[in-house]
Amino acid sequence: MAKTYDLPQATERPAAKPNTVYLVASGDLRETTNRATWATQQEMERQLTRAINECGWEVERAHSYDPEKKHGFIDHQRLGMEIFKHVPKDAPLVVAESVWQYSHHILHGLKTHRGPILTAANFDGTWPGLVGMLNINGSLTKAGVPYSTIWSIDYTDQWAVDKIREWLTTGHIVHDASHIKQLPSRENLPEGEVALGDAVAEQLREDKAIIGLFDEGCMGMYNAIIDDEMMNQLGMYKERLSQSALYAEMLTVSDEEAQEVFQWLLDEGMTFQFGTDEETELTEAQVLSQAKMYIAALRIADDFGLDAVGIQYQQGLKDLVPASDLVEGLLNNEHRPPVKSRDGSRVLYEGVALPCANEVDQGVAVDALITNRVWKSMGLDPATTLHDLRWGDDFDGEFVWVFEISGSVPASHLPNGYKSASSWRQDPVFFPLGGGTLRGTSKAGPIVWSRVYIEDNRLKADLGVGKAVDLPDEETERRLKATNPEWPIMHAVLPGVSRDQLMARHKANHLNVAYAPDAETAARALVAKAVALQDLGVEVFVAGDFDVPQD
């Protein structure tokens, strides 16, 4: 006779109501951030609900406002799991985002949801809802979860309403992807760049490289984690490091060494917007702490022979030390404050950039490492950085993107290097202990932009050429005030890629950029990089206008 047990019971999900869309909203972990952004989220949900109602459907919010927290976001993973117990599995589900959010708060529920999923954002720069939505999109893409996506300034435009109606009717939205093309075959590419790409790939495959990661999974960015098996195919291996080790190393750095780094920046012409209130203003003490982190990171990198590095910072270090962003911008630049070994006998990584992935985005890390190898071989400045795909607007008949990184760029990306750089305090809403940025307006010139991502359980990459442009000072100020004025900004134009094409296609909140001296060199660098990626097993696509350079 079979034994009987007290069997656990899964929660029974409710049945979906007819003609009803269920809505969830993932938020930040930080209460200060969620409270500051809640009013914007409410307005965005009101606009989106109105558009869905216009299509003849009702909207039911799957979770309520919390009067104690003073917001209605899903602010941690357990809360998300409890909420998804009460979401009908087959119902149409909208993820509405007008803010930065942590995708792991809701990814579990999206992975097992059976109904159609729509990610929706407001096309606005105030709080980075576009950035939050693109992270969800990249995470869903990596997880192999089908979804549709939409964005709008206020959801009154006919294009957005029609796309929502398409989703409600068919369960999916078809976007224009005509800007995406396969990389031309090798025989149709310039011989020198093919040879360079082959050599970079061969060296990586045979000699290997190490990416040091001070903790993984910054702010729930599931899409930013590349499994070892995939990364190892590139010849790259992880050195898993702890932020506690970085903090411990900071404690061994002397005040005099930190002061030397700070003085070097002053001597180079960088300015600092100092105040006296530690809670709201930048202070010299915060910058000196960042200098200690910079020194500590290089010493640990030297200990382990790292070829690239990434620092999580959020959330692991945010309550201990000021922000890591200034450190990361310095590391990505060849010309930077010298750091000696602990015994003072050697200058570490002298005269070279140590590629550093902000927020430990591993798609950025592998991209930056290959970019560094290709650009150096071509005699180009290898300084590379990620940017958030933050927002954009028309200017003088052309759509100009706002690319912003949350803290600092390599100084060589600015018109006059460190002389063009200023440091402001990080926003206390996100960074309670502050820290200085390395801000400025990126110089005009040709760029190569790219993103490595996971889809269909394999690595893929989108690459394109573009240009950073100059805008009038008043337009730059308008864009900074509409986003984060304490952060560096790039005014980017991507020929052959419309606003909606990039939003529909892009599989991450971040993209990489590197400069070239002219358009032809940019095209040649793209070819060499694309060939290297392809040799290493990455499926490569070219986005937008691209003329193959000729021998």
Foldseek 3Di string as FASTA:
>chain_A
DDDDDDDDDQQDEDADDPLEEEEAEFAELFLLQQQVCQVVQVQQVVLVQVLSVVLVGHYDYLFDADVVSNHTHLNAQVSLVVSLSHDHQAHEYEHEFAAAGALNNHVVSQLRRNHFYEYEYEQFFQHQRLQNSLLNLLLCQQSVGDYEYAYYNRNPDPVRSVQSSVCVVPVYGDDDQVQKDFDDDPVPFAPVLLVLLVVLQVCLLPVAAEEEEQDDQARNRNFLDDDQVQQVLSSYGYDYHHVVQLVVQLVVDDLVQLVQQVVVLVVLAEAEDADDDQQAWDHPVQSSSLSSSLLSVLQVCVVVVHQAYEYQVPPPCLVPGADNAQSQQQLLFQDGRWHAHPVRPDTGSHRAHRHYAYNSRNQSGVLLSLLQSLQVVVVHGSRKYKWFQRHWDDDPRAIWTKTWDQFEHHQVQAPSRSSQWYWIWRGCSRRRRTHIGTAGEGDWAKKKKKTWTHHPNHIAMEIEIWIFDDDPPVVVVVVCVRHPVRTYITTIGGAAADPRNCSRPNNHRMMMMDGDHHDLVNLSSVSSSQSNCVVSPYRYMYGHDHDRDDD
